C-alpha atoms as a PDB file:
ATOM      1  CA  MET A   1      44.220  39.357  -1.131  1.00  0.00           C
ATOM      2  CA  SER A   2      44.464  40.020  -4.336  1.00  0.00           C
ATOM      3  CA  MET A   3      42.136  38.764  -7.404  1.00  0.00           C
ATOM      4  CA  SER A   4      44.755  36.375  -9.124  1.00  0.00           C
ATOM      5  CA  ALA A   5      45.033  34.573  -5.340  1.00  0.00           C
ATOM      6  CA  GLN A   6      41.535  34.387  -4.818  1.00  0.00           C
ATOM      7  CA  GLY A   7      40.818  32.997  -8.381  1.00  0.00           C
ATOM      8  CA  ILE A   8      37.888  33.641 -10.566  1.00  0.00           C
ATOM      9  CA  HIS A   9      35.589  31.090  -8.863  1.00  0.00           C
ATOM     10  CA  ALA A  10      35.624  32.382  -5.252  1.00  0.00           C
ATOM     11  CA  ARG A  11      34.062  35.807  -6.491  1.00  0.00           C
ATOM     12  CA  ARG A  12      30.293  36.284  -6.210  1.00  0.00           C
ATOM     13  CA  PHE A  13      27.557  38.146  -6.997  1.00  0.00           C
ATOM     14  CA  VAL A  14      23.800  38.821  -6.386  1.00  0.00           C
ATOM     15  CA  ARG A  15      21.271  39.233  -8.898  1.00  0.00           C
ATOM     16  CA  LYS A  16      19.072  42.182  -8.046  1.00  0.00           C
ATOM     17  CA  PRO A  17      15.525  43.070  -9.525  1.00  0.00           C
ATOM     18  CA  LYS A  18      15.331  45.603 -12.188  1.00  0.00           C
ATOM     19  CA  ARG A  19      13.278  47.881 -10.578  1.00  0.00           C
ATOM     20  CA  PRO A  20      11.109  48.047  -7.276  1.00  0.00           C
ATOM     21  CA  LEU A  21       7.922  45.856  -6.887  1.00  0.00           C
ATOM     22  CA  ALA A  22       4.519  47.501  -7.060  1.00  0.00           C
ATOM     23  CA  GLY A  23       2.408  46.858  -4.577  1.00  0.00           C
ATOM     24  CA  TRP A  24      -0.196  44.461  -6.336  1.00  0.00           C
ATOM     25  CA  THR A  25       2.381  41.943  -7.158  1.00  0.00           C
ATOM     26  CA  THR A  26       2.547  40.568  -3.615  1.00  0.00           C
ATOM     27  CA  ALA A  27      -0.920  39.307  -4.295  1.00  0.00           C
ATOM     28  CA  PHE A  28       0.466  37.040  -7.349  1.00  0.00           C
ATOM     29  CA  PRO A  29       3.910  35.492  -6.121  1.00  0.00           C
ATOM     30  CA  LYS A  30       3.596  32.557  -8.867  1.00  0.00           C
ATOM     31  CA  GLN A  31       3.206  34.794 -11.377  1.00  0.00           C
ATOM     32  CA  HIS A  32       6.134  37.304 -10.407  1.00  0.00           C
ATOM     33  CA  ALA A  33       9.570  35.821 -10.350  1.00  0.00           C
ATOM     34  CA  ARG A  34      10.966  38.991  -8.691  1.00  0.00           C
ATOM     35  CA  LEU A  35       9.252  38.204  -5.481  1.00  0.00           C
ATOM     36  CA  ARG A  36      11.327  35.267  -4.953  1.00  0.00           C
ATOM     37  CA  PRO A  37      14.696  35.777  -3.185  1.00  0.00           C
ATOM     38  CA  ALA A  38      17.844  36.519  -5.192  1.00  0.00           C
ATOM     39  CA  LYS A  39      20.000  33.627  -6.112  1.00  0.00           C
ATOM     40  CA  THR A  40      23.560  33.502  -5.618  1.00  0.00           C
ATOM     41  CA  VAL A  41      25.336  32.835  -8.809  1.00  0.00           C
ATOM     42  CA  THR A  42      29.199  31.994  -8.954  1.00  0.00           C
ATOM     43  CA  VAL A  43      31.170  33.408 -11.861  1.00  0.00           C
ATOM     44  CA  ALA A  44      31.740  29.850 -13.216  1.00  0.00           C
ATOM     45  CA  ASP A  45      28.065  29.231 -13.397  1.00  0.00           C
ATOM     46  CA  ALA A  46      27.447  32.428 -15.333  1.00  0.00           C
ATOM     47  CA  MET A  47      30.183  31.263 -17.697  1.00  0.00           C
ATOM     48  CA  ILE A  48      28.656  28.213 -18.122  1.00  0.00           C
ATOM     49  CA  ARG A  49      25.294  29.721 -18.960  1.00  0.00           C
ATOM     50  CA  ARG A  50      26.788  32.252 -21.281  1.00  0.00           C
ATOM     51  CA  ARG A  51      28.294  29.197 -23.284  1.00  0.00           C
ATOM     52  CA  ILE A  52      24.759  27.941 -23.587  1.00  0.00           C
ATOM     53  CA  VAL A  53      23.196  31.185 -24.965  1.00  0.00           C
ATOM     54  CA  ARG A  54      26.346  31.469 -27.397  1.00  0.00           C
ATOM     55  CA  GLN A  55      24.979  28.250 -29.459  1.00  0.00           C
ATOM     56  CA  LYS A  56      25.018  28.102 -33.286  1.00  0.00           C
ATOM     57  CA  PRO A  57      22.075  29.568 -34.561  1.00  0.00           C
ATOM     58  CA  VAL A  58      19.220  27.579 -36.157  1.00  0.00           C
ATOM     59  CA  ARG A  59      19.421  27.485 -40.016  1.00  0.00           C
ATOM     60  CA  LYS A  60      16.917  29.178 -41.893  1.00  0.00           C
ATOM     61  CA  ARG A  61      17.080  26.499 -44.500  1.00  0.00           C
ATOM     62  CA  SER A  62      17.767  22.884 -44.095  1.00  0.00           C
ATOM     63  CA  LYS A  63      20.462  21.778 -46.342  1.00  0.00           C
ATOM     64  CA  ALA A  64      18.462  20.002 -48.484  1.00  0.00           C
ATOM     65  CA  MET A  65      15.926  23.046 -49.231  1.00  0.00           C
ATOM     66  CA  ALA A  66      19.300  25.086 -49.743  1.00  0.00           C
ATOM     67  CA  LYS A  67      20.348  22.822 -52.733  1.00  0.00           C
ATOM     68  CA  LYS A  68      16.740  22.852 -54.060  1.00  0.00           C
ATOM     69  CA  MET A  69      16.885  26.834 -53.870  1.00  0.00           C
ATOM     70  CA  ALA A  70      20.166  26.864 -55.685  1.00  0.00           C
ATOM     71  CA  GLN A  71      19.004  24.644 -58.686  1.00  0.00           C
ATOM     72  CA  TYR A  72      15.891  26.849 -58.752  1.00  0.00           C
ATOM     73  CA  ALA A  73      17.505  30.307 -58.811  1.00  0.00           C
ATOM     74  CA  VAL A  74      19.484  28.611 -62.014  1.00  0.00           C
ATOM     75  CA  GLN A  75      16.186  27.390 -63.581  1.00  0.00           C
ATOM     76  CA  ARG A  76      14.356  30.732 -62.641  1.00  0.00           C
ATOM     77  CA  VAL A  77      17.237  32.809 -64.623  1.00  0.00           C
ATOM     78  CA  ILE A  78      16.590  30.623 -67.555  1.00  0.00           C
ATOM     79  CA  PHE A  79      13.217  30.656 -67.504  1.00  0.00           C
ATOM     80  CA  LEU A  80      12.822  34.304 -67.483  1.00  0.00           C
ATOM     81  CA  SER A  81      15.488  34.730 -70.341  1.00  0.00           C
ATOM     82  CA  ARG A  82      13.172  32.674 -72.393  1.00  0.00           C
ATOM     83  CA  ASN A  83       9.994  34.337 -71.408  1.00  0.00           C
ATOM     84  CA  THR A  84      10.822  37.997 -71.086  1.00  0.00           C
ATOM     85  CA  LEU A  85       7.250  39.447 -70.937  1.00  0.00           C
ATOM     86  CA  CYS A  86       4.510  39.341 -68.440  1.00  0.00           C
ATOM     87  CA  GLN A  87       1.925  36.800 -69.200  1.00  0.00           C
ATOM     88  CA  CYS A  88      -0.701  38.765 -66.480  1.00  0.00           C
ATOM     89  CA  CYS A  89      -0.366  42.445 -68.034  1.00  0.00           C
ATOM     90  CA  PRO A  90      -2.525  41.618 -71.003  1.00  0.00           C
ATOM     91  CA  VAL A  91      -5.079  40.490 -69.061  1.00  0.00           C
ATOM     92  CA  ARG A  92      -5.019  42.894 -66.083  1.00  0.00           C
ATOM     93  CA  ARG A  93      -4.427  46.125 -68.022  1.00  0.00           C
ATOM     94  CA  PRO A  94      -7.053  47.745 -70.458  1.00  0.00           C
ATOM     95  CA  THR A  95      -4.167  48.601 -72.571  1.00  0.00           C
ATOM     96  CA  GLY A  96      -3.005  45.453 -73.151  1.00  0.00           C
ATOM     97  CA  ILE A  97       0.654  46.359 -73.120  1.00  0.00           C
ATOM     98  CA  ALA A  98       2.884  43.615 -71.415  1.00  0.00           C
ATOM     99  CA  LEU A  99       5.876  44.914 -69.062  1.00  0.00           C
ATOM    100  CA  TRP A 100       9.018  42.769 -68.731  1.00  0.00           C
ATOM    101  CA  ALA A 101       8.828  40.034 -66.420  1.00  0.00           C
ATOM    102  CA  ASP A 102      10.836  40.222 -63.249  1.00  0.00           C
ATOM    103  CA  ASP A 103       9.424  37.305 -60.899  1.00  0.00           C
ATOM    104  CA  VAL A 104       8.346  33.734 -61.418  1.00  0.00           C
ATOM    105  CA  HIS A 105       4.943  33.276 -60.113  1.00  0.00           C
ATOM    106  CA  HIS A 106       4.023  29.648 -58.750  1.00  0.00           C
ATOM    107  CA  LYS A 107       0.437  28.989 -59.625  1.00  0.00           C
ATOM    108  CA  ARG A 108       0.253  26.207 -57.078  1.00  0.00           C
ATOM    109  CA  GLY A 109       2.747  27.464 -54.514  1.00  0.00           C
ATOM    110  CA  ARG A 110       6.381  26.683 -54.178  1.00  0.00           C
ATOM    111  CA  GLY A 111       5.971  23.605 -51.452  1.00  0.00           C
ATOM    112  CA  LYS A 112       6.074  20.751 -53.718  1.00  0.00           C
ATOM    113  CA  PHE A 113       5.556  22.491 -57.008  1.00  0.00           C
ATOM    114  CA  LEU A 114       8.821  24.721 -56.795  1.00  0.00           C
ATOM    115  CA  MET A 115      10.513  22.975 -59.627  1.00  0.00           C
ATOM    116  CA  ASP A 116       7.504  22.280 -61.703  1.00  0.00           C
ATOM    117  CA  LYS A 117       7.862  24.426 -64.588  1.00  0.00           C
ATOM    118  CA  GLU A 118       4.226  23.653 -65.858  1.00  0.00           C
ATOM    119  CA  THR A 119       3.175  25.897 -62.410  1.00  0.00           C
ATOM    120  CA  TRP A 120       5.404  28.764 -63.501  1.00  0.00           C
ATOM    121  CA  LEU A 121       4.172  32.060 -64.832  1.00  0.00           C
ATOM    122  CA  PRO A 122       6.535  35.133 -65.622  1.00  0.00           C
ATOM    123  CA  VAL A 123       5.109  38.276 -64.389  1.00  0.00           C
ATOM    124  CA  CYS A 124       6.297  41.745 -63.856  1.00  0.00           C
ATOM    125  CA  ARG A 125       6.244  42.948 -60.076  1.00  0.00           C
ATOM    126  CA  PRO A 126       3.069  45.091 -59.939  1.00  0.00           C
ATOM    127  CA  CYS A 127       0.822  42.069 -61.549  1.00  0.00           C
ATOM    128  CA  HIS A 128       2.736  39.513 -59.012  1.00  0.00           C
ATOM    129  CA  VAL A 129       1.477  41.887 -56.053  1.00  0.00           C
ATOM    130  CA  HIS A 130      -2.229  42.067 -57.946  1.00  0.00           C
ATOM    131  CA  ILE A 131      -2.441  38.550 -58.100  1.00  0.00           C
ATOM    132  CA  HIS A 132      -1.640  37.523 -54.630  1.00  0.00           C
ATOM    133  CA  ASP A 133      -3.492  40.653 -53.181  1.00  0.00           C
ATOM    134  CA  ASN A 134      -6.904  39.763 -55.370  1.00  0.00           C
ATOM    135  CA  PRO A 135      -7.078  35.929 -55.118  1.00  0.00           C
ATOM    136  CA  GLN A 136     -10.797  35.591 -56.608  1.00  0.00           C
ATOM    137  CA  TRP A 137      -9.650  37.264 -59.486  1.00  0.00           C
ATOM    138  CA  ALA A 138      -6.235  35.478 -60.068  1.00  0.00           C
ATOM    139  CA  TYR A 139      -8.787  32.154 -59.788  1.00  0.00           C
ATOM    140  CA  GLU A 140     -10.979  33.486 -62.218  1.00  0.00           C
ATOM    141  CA  ASN A 141      -8.231  34.213 -64.781  1.00  0.00           C
ATOM    142  CA  ARG A 142      -6.166  31.135 -63.930  1.00  0.00           C
ATOM    143  CA  MET A 143      -3.341  32.819 -62.523  1.00  0.00           C
ATOM    144  CA  LEU A 144      -3.716  30.532 -59.347  1.00  0.00           C
ATOM    145  CA  GLU A 145      -4.604  27.062 -59.374  1.00  0.00           C
ATOM    146  CA  ARG A 146      -5.610  24.831 -56.438  1.00  0.00           C
ATOM    147  CA  ARG A 147      -2.958  22.607 -55.268  1.00  0.00           C
ATOM    148  CA  ASP A 148      -4.636  19.912 -53.911  1.00  0.00           C
ATOM    149  CA  ILE A 149      -6.954  19.328 -57.369  1.00  0.00           C
ATOM    150  CA  ALA A 150      -5.416  17.779 -60.126  1.00  0.00           C
ATOM    151  CA  VAL A 151      -5.895  20.139 -63.438  1.00  0.00           C
ATOM    152  CA  THR A 152      -7.260  18.340 -66.648  1.00  0.00           C
ATOM    153  CA  LEU A 153      -7.499  20.465 -69.811  1.00  0.00           C
END
């Protein structure tokens, strides 16, 4: 019989273990699925499983968050064009010479304060890394603020 006469559903295959079983695995049959007899699977079952695996991937961001991030990207460019120098360099460096600001540092985090410009700080990349690597110094110099406590000036 040819393949077309048999049809695709009549063809069967058996799953084989990937490697031979070690001697100690026989003591733990529940932990090792390889010890169970191989299941016979039809090609149709394999096709269904393949379709399940090829589902759409989970979004990295929700649609609402993607919309907020698009708005943030625009506001970030405007903010950095108005605030061109790093606000951390004069505090951190002994010379007091400021570099160009590359990043927007969020003093209270990005969560609910993502679009709150009062918590934004223009910083250069080395200072941004320094702020996050040294949180105690950053809190003392008001580069970081607590998220849950309201700041009164």
